[in-house]
Amino acid sequence: MGLLKYAILGAAAVYGFKYATKKRATDGKSLIDDFKEKVPEYVDEINNYTTKIKQDYRQTSELY
């Protein structure tokens, strides 16, 4: 039963990888390419969010 489970998981992983790297006919890009382009935006949003959390923590800790 364990071998069947690993075979199914492996097939799902291969299918997912092929789906993520498959190029679209309209623009010739894949999901991975889109993600690579948006990573700097995501990093900036995360940095802004962490700055906001640190500021909120400082304000809250000053009250107590």
N, C-alpha and C. Protein backbone atom coordinates (compact mmCIF):
# COMPACT_ATOMS: atom_id res chain seq x y z
N MET A 1 0.82 -1.19 0.00
CA MET A 1 0.00 0.00 0.00
C MET A 1 0.87 1.26 0.00
N GLY A 2 2.01 1.20 0.67
CA GLY A 2 2.91 2.35 0.73
C GLY A 2 3.49 2.69 -0.62
N LEU A 3 3.81 1.66 -1.40
CA LEU A 3 4.38 1.88 -2.72
C LEU A 3 3.37 2.58 -3.64
N LEU A 4 2.13 2.18 -3.55
CA LEU A 4 1.08 2.79 -4.36
C LEU A 4 0.91 4.27 -3.98
N LYS A 5 0.97 4.56 -2.70
CA LYS A 5 0.84 5.93 -2.23
C LYS A 5 1.96 6.80 -2.79
N TYR A 6 3.20 6.31 -2.75
CA TYR A 6 4.33 7.07 -3.28
C TYR A 6 4.27 7.21 -4.79
N ALA A 7 3.76 6.22 -5.48
CA ALA A 7 3.61 6.30 -6.93
C ALA A 7 2.59 7.38 -7.30
N ILE A 8 1.50 7.44 -6.55
CA ILE A 8 0.46 8.46 -6.81
C ILE A 8 1.00 9.86 -6.50
N LEU A 9 1.70 9.99 -5.37
CA LEU A 9 2.28 11.29 -5.02
C LEU A 9 3.33 11.72 -6.04
N GLY A 10 4.13 10.80 -6.52
CA GLY A 10 5.13 11.12 -7.53
C GLY A 10 4.50 11.55 -8.84
N ALA A 11 3.45 10.85 -9.25
CA ALA A 11 2.76 11.23 -10.48
C ALA A 11 2.12 12.61 -10.35
N ALA A 12 1.55 12.90 -9.18
CA ALA A 12 0.95 14.22 -8.97
C ALA A 12 2.02 15.31 -8.98
N ALA A 13 3.19 15.04 -8.41
CA ALA A 13 4.28 16.02 -8.41
C ALA A 13 4.78 16.29 -9.83
N VAL A 14 4.93 15.26 -10.61
CA VAL A 14 5.38 15.43 -12.00
C VAL A 14 4.36 16.21 -12.80
N TYR A 15 3.08 15.89 -12.63
CA TYR A 15 2.02 16.61 -13.35
C TYR A 15 2.01 18.07 -12.94
N GLY A 16 2.15 18.35 -11.65
CA GLY A 16 2.17 19.72 -11.17
C GLY A 16 3.35 20.49 -11.72
N PHE A 17 4.51 19.86 -11.78
CA PHE A 17 5.70 20.51 -12.33
C PHE A 17 5.52 20.82 -13.81
N LYS A 18 4.98 19.87 -14.55
CA LYS A 18 4.75 20.10 -15.98
C LYS A 18 3.73 21.22 -16.19
N TYR A 19 2.69 21.25 -15.35
CA TYR A 19 1.67 22.29 -15.47
C TYR A 19 2.26 23.67 -15.17
N ALA A 20 3.11 23.75 -14.16
CA ALA A 20 3.69 25.03 -13.77
C ALA A 20 4.71 25.54 -14.77
N THR A 21 5.37 24.64 -15.50
CA THR A 21 6.40 25.06 -16.45
C THR A 21 5.90 25.09 -17.89
N LYS A 22 4.67 24.72 -18.13
CA LYS A 22 4.14 24.70 -19.50
C LYS A 22 3.95 26.14 -19.99
N LYS A 23 4.44 26.42 -21.17
CA LYS A 23 4.35 27.74 -21.77
C LYS A 23 2.96 27.94 -22.38
N ARG A 24 2.40 29.14 -22.17
CA ARG A 24 1.11 29.47 -22.77
C ARG A 24 1.32 29.87 -24.23
N ALA A 25 0.33 29.59 -25.05
CA ALA A 25 0.43 29.91 -26.47
C ALA A 25 0.28 31.41 -26.71
N THR A 26 -0.44 32.10 -25.84
CA THR A 26 -0.71 33.52 -26.08
C THR A 26 0.51 34.40 -25.88
N ASP A 27 1.26 34.18 -24.79
CA ASP A 27 2.40 35.05 -24.53
C ASP A 27 3.72 34.31 -24.35
N GLY A 28 3.72 32.99 -24.38
CA GLY A 28 4.95 32.22 -24.28
C GLY A 28 5.55 32.16 -22.90
N LYS A 29 4.78 32.48 -21.88
CA LYS A 29 5.27 32.45 -20.50
C LYS A 29 4.58 31.34 -19.73
N SER A 30 5.19 30.95 -18.62
CA SER A 30 4.60 29.93 -17.76
C SER A 30 4.25 30.54 -16.41
N LEU A 31 3.65 29.74 -15.55
CA LEU A 31 3.32 30.21 -14.21
C LEU A 31 4.58 30.56 -13.43
N ILE A 32 5.64 29.80 -13.65
CA ILE A 32 6.91 30.06 -12.97
C ILE A 32 7.48 31.41 -13.41
N ASP A 33 7.38 31.72 -14.70
CA ASP A 33 7.86 33.00 -15.20
C ASP A 33 7.08 34.15 -14.57
N ASP A 34 5.76 34.00 -14.46
CA ASP A 34 4.94 35.03 -13.83
C ASP A 34 5.35 35.23 -12.38
N PHE A 35 5.60 34.12 -11.68
CA PHE A 35 6.00 34.20 -10.28
C PHE A 35 7.35 34.89 -10.13
N LYS A 36 8.29 34.59 -11.03
CA LYS A 36 9.62 35.21 -10.97
C LYS A 36 9.52 36.72 -11.14
N GLU A 37 8.61 37.17 -12.00
CA GLU A 37 8.45 38.61 -12.23
C GLU A 37 7.83 39.32 -11.03
N LYS A 38 6.98 38.61 -10.28
CA LYS A 38 6.27 39.24 -9.18
C LYS A 38 6.97 39.11 -7.83
N VAL A 39 8.06 38.36 -7.77
CA VAL A 39 8.75 38.15 -6.50
C VAL A 39 9.22 39.47 -5.87
N PRO A 40 9.82 40.41 -6.61
CA PRO A 40 10.23 41.67 -5.97
C PRO A 40 9.05 42.44 -5.36
N GLU A 41 7.90 42.41 -6.01
CA GLU A 41 6.72 43.07 -5.46
C GLU A 41 6.30 42.41 -4.16
N TYR A 42 6.33 41.08 -4.13
CA TYR A 42 5.96 40.34 -2.92
C TYR A 42 6.93 40.65 -1.78
N VAL A 43 8.22 40.73 -2.09
CA VAL A 43 9.22 41.03 -1.06
C VAL A 43 8.99 42.43 -0.49
N ASP A 44 8.70 43.40 -1.36
CA ASP A 44 8.41 44.75 -0.88
C ASP A 44 7.19 44.78 0.02
N GLU A 45 6.14 44.06 -0.36
CA GLU A 45 4.93 44.01 0.47
C GLU A 45 5.22 43.38 1.82
N ILE A 46 6.02 42.33 1.83
CA ILE A 46 6.37 41.67 3.09
C ILE A 46 7.19 42.60 3.97
N ASN A 47 8.14 43.32 3.37
CA ASN A 47 8.95 44.26 4.15
C ASN A 47 8.09 45.37 4.73
N ASN A 48 7.15 45.89 3.95
CA ASN A 48 6.25 46.92 4.46
C ASN A 48 5.41 46.38 5.60
N TYR A 49 4.95 45.16 5.47
CA TYR A 49 4.12 44.54 6.50
C TYR A 49 4.92 44.33 7.79
N THR A 50 6.18 43.87 7.65
CA THR A 50 6.99 43.66 8.85
C THR A 50 7.31 44.98 9.54
N THR A 51 7.55 46.03 8.76
CA THR A 51 7.78 47.35 9.35
C THR A 51 6.56 47.81 10.12
N LYS A 52 5.39 47.60 9.56
CA LYS A 52 4.16 47.98 10.22
C LYS A 52 3.96 47.19 11.52
N ILE A 53 4.25 45.91 11.49
CA ILE A 53 4.11 45.08 12.68
C ILE A 53 5.09 45.53 13.77
N LYS A 54 6.33 45.83 13.39
CA LYS A 54 7.31 46.31 14.37
C LYS A 54 6.87 47.62 14.99
N GLN A 55 6.33 48.52 14.17
CA GLN A 55 5.86 49.81 14.68
C GLN A 55 4.68 49.60 15.63
N ASP A 56 3.75 48.76 15.28
CA ASP A 56 2.61 48.48 16.15
C ASP A 56 3.08 47.86 17.47
N TYR A 57 4.06 46.97 17.40
CA TYR A 57 4.57 46.33 18.61
C TYR A 57 5.23 47.37 19.52
N ARG A 58 6.03 48.29 18.92
CA ARG A 58 6.68 49.33 19.71
C ARG A 58 5.65 50.22 20.39
N GLN A 59 4.63 50.61 19.66
CA GLN A 59 3.59 51.46 20.23
C GLN A 59 2.85 50.75 21.35
N THR A 60 2.58 49.49 21.15
CA THR A 60 1.85 48.73 22.17
C THR A 60 2.72 48.51 23.40
N SER A 61 4.00 48.20 23.20
CA SER A 61 4.87 47.94 24.34
C SER A 61 5.15 49.23 25.13
N GLU A 62 5.10 50.38 24.50
CA GLU A 62 5.27 51.65 25.21
C GLU A 62 4.09 51.94 26.13
N LEU A 63 2.93 51.44 25.79
CA LEU A 63 1.75 51.68 26.62
C LEU A 63 1.82 50.93 27.93
N TYR A 64 2.52 49.80 27.96
CA TYR A 64 2.54 48.97 29.16
C TYR A 64 3.83 49.05 29.86
